[in-house]
Amino acid sequence: ATYTCDALGQWRSEELGTKLPSCRPVCGRPARPLPGIIKRIIGGRNAEPGFFPWQALIVVEDMSRVPNDKWFGSGALLSESWVLTAAHVLRSQRRDQTVIPVSKEHVTVYLALHDVRNKMEAVNRTVERIILHEEFDIQNYNHDIALVKLKEKVTMGKYVMPVCLPQF
């Protein structure tokens, strides 16, 4: 469909009127094709930029603790606002083994990151919400899954796209 801007400042097409089409981002398609030999971590090699555009680095910095606590984990981009990760990455470190999420203010999510030493070139987002699986067990790591809602949506592109999920 071809759209033109009408006198009221609205996009209009003959086929759809003012209703704009929607699209779904392509998932799981690396910017560059993966070499056939990359199948296992053992004997692997460094990934090239764009090989895993759904990969997220999750950094937790709790400056309120003495000594300051800093750790990280990985995640997978599910959509422009959600990242899937492990619950143990976002669990507040407590001596009593209780399962409480870290404060969202202490978490930063990086996407399109190729070298962790150079975060300035990455897309980074703060966090709106952290959801740990309600049955996560720190003793045996059952239900070790969590969701992170980003405060601001990410723009999909060559180096940022969601992981593919099965259709049911």
C-alpha atoms as a PDB file:
ATOM      1  CA  ALA A   1       0.000   0.000   0.000  1.00  0.00           C
ATOM      2  CA  THR A   2       1.109   3.541  -0.702  1.00  0.00           C
ATOM      3  CA  TYR A   3       0.508   6.157   1.981  1.00  0.00           C
ATOM      4  CA  THR A   4       0.231   9.910   1.534  1.00  0.00           C
ATOM      5  CA  CYS A   5      -0.094  12.615   4.140  1.00  0.00           C
ATOM      6  CA  ASP A   6      -3.604  14.104   3.896  1.00  0.00           C
ATOM      7  CA  ALA A   7      -4.782  17.644   4.728  1.00  0.00           C
ATOM      8  CA  LEU A   8      -5.383  16.654   8.367  1.00  0.00           C
ATOM      9  CA  GLY A   9      -1.799  15.438   8.769  1.00  0.00           C
ATOM     10  CA  GLN A  10      -2.768  11.752   8.791  1.00  0.00           C
ATOM     11  CA  TRP A  11      -1.212   8.994   6.738  1.00  0.00           C
ATOM     12  CA  ARG A  12      -3.807   7.570   4.346  1.00  0.00           C
ATOM     13  CA  SER A  13      -3.864   4.804   1.744  1.00  0.00           C
ATOM     14  CA  GLU A  14      -6.592   3.818  -0.710  1.00  0.00           C
ATOM     15  CA  GLU A  15      -6.524   0.231   0.556  1.00  0.00           C
ATOM     16  CA  LEU A  16      -6.422   0.773   4.347  1.00  0.00           C
ATOM     17  CA  GLY A  17      -7.550   4.352   4.907  1.00  0.00           C
ATOM     18  CA  THR A  18      -5.824   5.764   8.002  1.00  0.00           C
ATOM     19  CA  LYS A  19      -5.181   2.344   9.526  1.00  0.00           C
ATOM     20  CA  LEU A  20      -1.425   1.806   9.519  1.00  0.00           C
ATOM     21  CA  PRO A  21      -0.065  -1.662   8.820  1.00  0.00           C
ATOM     22  CA  SER A  22       1.777  -3.544  11.535  1.00  0.00           C
ATOM     23  CA  CYS A  23       4.783  -5.761  11.247  1.00  0.00           C
ATOM     24  CA  ARG A  24       6.584  -8.356  13.303  1.00  0.00           C
ATOM     25  CA  PRO A  25      10.340  -8.116  13.583  1.00  0.00           C
ATOM     26  CA  VAL A  26      12.315 -10.940  12.088  1.00  0.00           C
ATOM     27  CA  CYS A  27      13.574 -13.155  14.869  1.00  0.00           C
ATOM     28  CA  GLY A  28      16.688 -15.206  15.210  1.00  0.00           C
ATOM     29  CA  ARG A  29      18.345 -14.194  11.967  1.00  0.00           C
ATOM     30  CA  PRO A  30      21.935 -13.142  12.546  1.00  0.00           C
ATOM     31  CA  ALA A  31      23.190 -10.133  10.599  1.00  0.00           C
ATOM     32  CA  ARG A  32      25.836 -12.459   9.198  1.00  0.00           C
ATOM     33  CA  PRO A  33      25.377 -16.177   8.597  1.00  0.00           C
ATOM     34  CA  LEU A  34      26.902 -18.449  11.203  1.00  0.00           C
ATOM     35  CA  PRO A  35      29.785 -20.552   9.944  1.00  0.00           C
ATOM     36  CA  GLY A  36      28.876 -24.234   9.824  1.00  0.00           C
ATOM     37  CA  ILE A  37      31.631 -25.167  12.258  1.00  0.00           C
ATOM     38  CA  ILE A  38      30.180 -23.183  15.181  1.00  0.00           C
ATOM     39  CA  LYS A  39      28.133 -25.884  16.862  1.00  0.00           C
ATOM     40  CA  ARG A  40      29.696 -26.346  20.282  1.00  0.00           C
ATOM     41  CA  ILE A  41      31.465 -24.163  22.797  1.00  0.00           C
ATOM     42  CA  ILE A  42      34.328 -26.652  23.133  1.00  0.00           C
ATOM     43  CA  GLY A  43      36.950 -25.713  20.580  1.00  0.00           C
ATOM     44  CA  GLY A  44      34.850 -22.738  19.538  1.00  0.00           C
ATOM     45  CA  ARG A  45      35.980 -19.281  18.574  1.00  0.00           C
ATOM     46  CA  ASN A  46      34.968 -15.702  19.206  1.00  0.00           C
ATOM     47  CA  ALA A  47      31.626 -14.713  17.719  1.00  0.00           C
ATOM     48  CA  GLU A  48      31.603 -11.985  15.101  1.00  0.00           C
ATOM     49  CA  PRO A  49      29.394  -8.880  15.563  1.00  0.00           C
ATOM     50  CA  GLY A  50      25.806  -9.685  14.631  1.00  0.00           C
ATOM     51  CA  PHE A  51      26.041 -13.466  15.080  1.00  0.00           C
ATOM     52  CA  PHE A  52      23.686 -13.425  18.108  1.00  0.00           C
ATOM     53  CA  PRO A  53      21.535 -10.262  17.926  1.00  0.00           C
ATOM     54  CA  TRP A  54      19.171 -11.490  20.670  1.00  0.00           C
ATOM     55  CA  GLN A  55      21.968 -11.835  23.248  1.00  0.00           C
ATOM     56  CA  ALA A  56      21.785  -9.485  26.236  1.00  0.00           C
ATOM     57  CA  LEU A  57      24.325  -8.703  28.946  1.00  0.00           C
ATOM     58  CA  ILE A  58      22.707  -8.018  32.308  1.00  0.00           C
ATOM     59  CA  VAL A  59      24.893  -6.085  34.762  1.00  0.00           C
ATOM     60  CA  VAL A  60      23.917  -5.744  38.423  1.00  0.00           C
ATOM     61  CA  GLU A  61      25.696  -3.109  40.516  1.00  0.00           C
ATOM     62  CA  ASP A  62      24.552  -2.796  44.110  1.00  0.00           C
ATOM     63  CA  MET A  63      26.452   0.197  45.451  1.00  0.00           C
ATOM     64  CA  SER A  64      24.403   0.201  48.667  1.00  0.00           C
ATOM     65  CA  ARG A  65      26.205  -2.907  49.924  1.00  0.00           C
ATOM     66  CA  VAL A  66      29.567  -2.968  51.659  1.00  0.00           C
ATOM     67  CA  PRO A  67      31.665  -4.006  49.919  1.00  0.00           C
ATOM     68  CA  ASN A  68      30.023  -2.912  46.679  1.00  0.00           C
ATOM     69  CA  ASP A  69      28.574  -5.862  44.812  1.00  0.00           C
ATOM     70  CA  LYS A  70      28.801  -6.221  41.046  1.00  0.00           C
ATOM     71  CA  TRP A  71      27.941  -9.246  38.932  1.00  0.00           C
ATOM     72  CA  PHE A  72      26.561 -10.074  35.517  1.00  0.00           C
ATOM     73  CA  GLY A  73      24.687 -12.693  33.527  1.00  0.00           C
ATOM     74  CA  SER A  74      23.213 -13.139  30.098  1.00  0.00           C
ATOM     75  CA  GLY A  75      19.725 -13.031  28.701  1.00  0.00           C
ATOM     76  CA  ALA A  76      17.771 -13.344  25.482  1.00  0.00           C
ATOM     77  CA  LEU A  77      15.710 -10.528  23.983  1.00  0.00           C
ATOM     78  CA  LEU A  78      12.084 -11.686  23.625  1.00  0.00           C
ATOM     79  CA  SER A  79      10.571  -8.461  22.281  1.00  0.00           C
ATOM     80  CA  GLU A  80      11.318  -4.758  22.205  1.00  0.00           C
ATOM     81  CA  SER A  81      10.572  -4.579  25.952  1.00  0.00           C
ATOM     82  CA  TRP A  82      11.284  -7.998  27.500  1.00  0.00           C
ATOM     83  CA  VAL A  83      14.417 -10.038  28.240  1.00  0.00           C
ATOM     84  CA  LEU A  84      14.484 -13.634  29.492  1.00  0.00           C
ATOM     85  CA  THR A  85      17.226 -14.611  31.943  1.00  0.00           C
ATOM     86  CA  ALA A  86      17.990 -16.863  34.902  1.00  0.00           C
ATOM     87  CA  ALA A  87      16.495 -15.998  38.279  1.00  0.00           C
ATOM     88  CA  HIS A  88      19.840 -16.464  40.049  1.00  0.00           C
ATOM     89  CA  VAL A  89      21.253 -13.537  38.038  1.00  0.00           C
ATOM     90  CA  LEU A  90      18.671 -11.152  39.514  1.00  0.00           C
ATOM     91  CA  ARG A  91      18.368 -12.543  43.023  1.00  0.00           C
ATOM     92  CA  SER A  92      19.567 -10.260  45.774  1.00  0.00           C
ATOM     93  CA  GLN A  93      22.561 -11.870  47.510  1.00  0.00           C
ATOM     94  CA  ARG A  94      21.342 -12.619  51.034  1.00  0.00           C
ATOM     95  CA  ARG A  95      22.855 -14.733  53.782  1.00  0.00           C
ATOM     96  CA  ASP A  96      19.489 -16.174  54.778  1.00  0.00           C
ATOM     97  CA  GLN A  97      18.950 -17.658  51.270  1.00  0.00           C
ATOM     98  CA  THR A  98      15.668 -15.775  50.759  1.00  0.00           C
ATOM     99  CA  VAL A  99      14.636 -15.175  47.173  1.00  0.00           C
ATOM    100  CA  ILE A 100      14.175 -11.457  46.672  1.00  0.00           C
ATOM    101  CA  PRO A 101      14.934  -9.709  43.366  1.00  0.00           C
ATOM    102  CA  VAL A 102      17.619  -7.050  43.271  1.00  0.00           C
ATOM    103  CA  SER A 103      16.395  -3.492  43.057  1.00  0.00           C
ATOM    104  CA  LYS A 104      15.637  -2.548  39.455  1.00  0.00           C
ATOM    105  CA  GLU A 105      17.718   0.604  39.904  1.00  0.00           C
ATOM    106  CA  HIS A 106      20.849  -1.570  40.162  1.00  0.00           C
ATOM    107  CA  VAL A 107      20.340  -3.348  36.816  1.00  0.00           C
ATOM    108  CA  THR A 108      21.435  -2.324  33.310  1.00  0.00           C
ATOM    109  CA  VAL A 109      20.771  -4.387  30.176  1.00  0.00           C
ATOM    110  CA  TYR A 110      23.151  -4.134  27.209  1.00  0.00           C
ATOM    111  CA  LEU A 111      22.280  -5.227  23.658  1.00  0.00           C
ATOM    112  CA  ALA A 112      24.267  -5.140  20.394  1.00  0.00           C
ATOM    113  CA  LEU A 113      27.351  -5.584  22.553  1.00  0.00           C
ATOM    114  CA  HIS A 114      30.288  -7.353  20.993  1.00  0.00           C
ATOM    115  CA  ASP A 115      33.099  -6.572  23.437  1.00  0.00           C
ATOM    116  CA  VAL A 116      32.231  -6.256  27.138  1.00  0.00           C
ATOM    117  CA  ARG A 117      35.202  -3.926  27.577  1.00  0.00           C
ATOM    118  CA  ASN A 118      33.525  -1.397  25.263  1.00  0.00           C
ATOM    119  CA  LYS A 119      29.975  -0.880  26.536  1.00  0.00           C
ATOM    120  CA  MET A 120      29.824   2.652  25.084  1.00  0.00           C
ATOM    121  CA  GLU A 121      28.994   1.237  21.634  1.00  0.00           C
ATOM    122  CA  ALA A 122      26.149  -0.929  22.933  1.00  0.00           C
ATOM    123  CA  VAL A 123      22.449  -0.206  23.297  1.00  0.00           C
ATOM    124  CA  ASN A 124      21.748   0.035  27.024  1.00  0.00           C
ATOM    125  CA  ARG A 125      18.499   0.168  28.924  1.00  0.00           C
ATOM    126  CA  THR A 126      17.442   0.591  32.501  1.00  0.00           C
ATOM    127  CA  VAL A 127      14.828  -1.683  34.007  1.00  0.00           C
ATOM    128  CA  GLU A 128      11.166  -1.045  34.758  1.00  0.00           C
ATOM    129  CA  ARG A 129      10.355  -4.387  36.373  1.00  0.00           C
ATOM    130  CA  ILE A 130      11.982  -7.672  37.452  1.00  0.00           C
ATOM    131  CA  ILE A 131       9.924 -10.853  37.756  1.00  0.00           C
ATOM    132  CA  LEU A 132      11.507 -13.930  39.339  1.00  0.00           C
ATOM    133  CA  HIS A 133       9.675 -17.256  39.028  1.00  0.00           C
ATOM    134  CA  GLU A 134       7.661 -17.526  42.240  1.00  0.00           C
ATOM    135  CA  GLU A 135       8.927 -21.075  42.870  1.00  0.00           C
ATOM    136  CA  PHE A 136      12.620 -20.391  42.229  1.00  0.00           C
ATOM    137  CA  ASP A 137      14.620 -22.467  44.719  1.00  0.00           C
ATOM    138  CA  ILE A 138      18.129 -21.232  45.513  1.00  0.00           C
ATOM    139  CA  GLN A 139      19.065 -24.646  46.965  1.00  0.00           C
ATOM    140  CA  ASN A 140      18.560 -26.730  43.802  1.00  0.00           C
ATOM    141  CA  TYR A 141      17.975 -24.012  41.175  1.00  0.00           C
ATOM    142  CA  ASN A 142      14.575 -25.385  40.178  1.00  0.00           C
ATOM    143  CA  HIS A 143      12.509 -22.785  38.278  1.00  0.00           C
ATOM    144  CA  ASP A 144      15.635 -20.694  37.638  1.00  0.00           C
ATOM    145  CA  ILE A 145      13.969 -18.279  35.240  1.00  0.00           C
ATOM    146  CA  ALA A 146      13.166 -14.570  35.290  1.00  0.00           C
ATOM    147  CA  LEU A 147      11.837 -11.773  33.100  1.00  0.00           C
ATOM    148  CA  VAL A 148      13.130  -8.223  32.835  1.00  0.00           C
ATOM    149  CA  LYS A 149      10.926  -5.454  31.468  1.00  0.00           C
ATOM    150  CA  LEU A 150      12.954  -2.649  29.960  1.00  0.00           C
ATOM    151  CA  LYS A 151      12.017   0.900  30.905  1.00  0.00           C
ATOM    152  CA  GLU A 152      12.365   2.028  27.284  1.00  0.00           C
ATOM    153  CA  LYS A 153      11.738  -0.116  24.205  1.00  0.00           C
ATOM    154  CA  VAL A 154      14.702  -1.041  22.019  1.00  0.00           C
ATOM    155  CA  THR A 155      14.760  -0.407  18.294  1.00  0.00           C
ATOM    156  CA  MET A 156      15.099  -3.584  16.281  1.00  0.00           C
ATOM    157  CA  GLY A 157      17.784  -3.712  13.653  1.00  0.00           C
ATOM    158  CA  LYS A 158      20.725  -5.623  12.290  1.00  0.00           C
ATOM    159  CA  TYR A 159      22.366  -6.126  15.703  1.00  0.00           C
ATOM    160  CA  VAL A 160      19.245  -6.140  17.924  1.00  0.00           C
ATOM    161  CA  MET A 161      16.430  -8.605  17.270  1.00  0.00           C
ATOM    162  CA  PRO A 162      14.408 -11.048  19.363  1.00  0.00           C
ATOM    163  CA  VAL A 163      15.192 -14.713  19.735  1.00  0.00           C
ATOM    164  CA  CYS A 164      12.811 -17.073  17.916  1.00  0.00           C
ATOM    165  CA  LEU A 165      10.267 -18.872  20.066  1.00  0.00           C
ATOM    166  CA  PRO A 166       8.201 -21.857  18.959  1.00  0.00           C
ATOM    167  CA  GLN A 167       4.643 -21.196  17.802  1.00  0.00           C
ATOM    168  CA  PHE A 168       2.030 -23.247  19.666  1.00  0.00           C
END
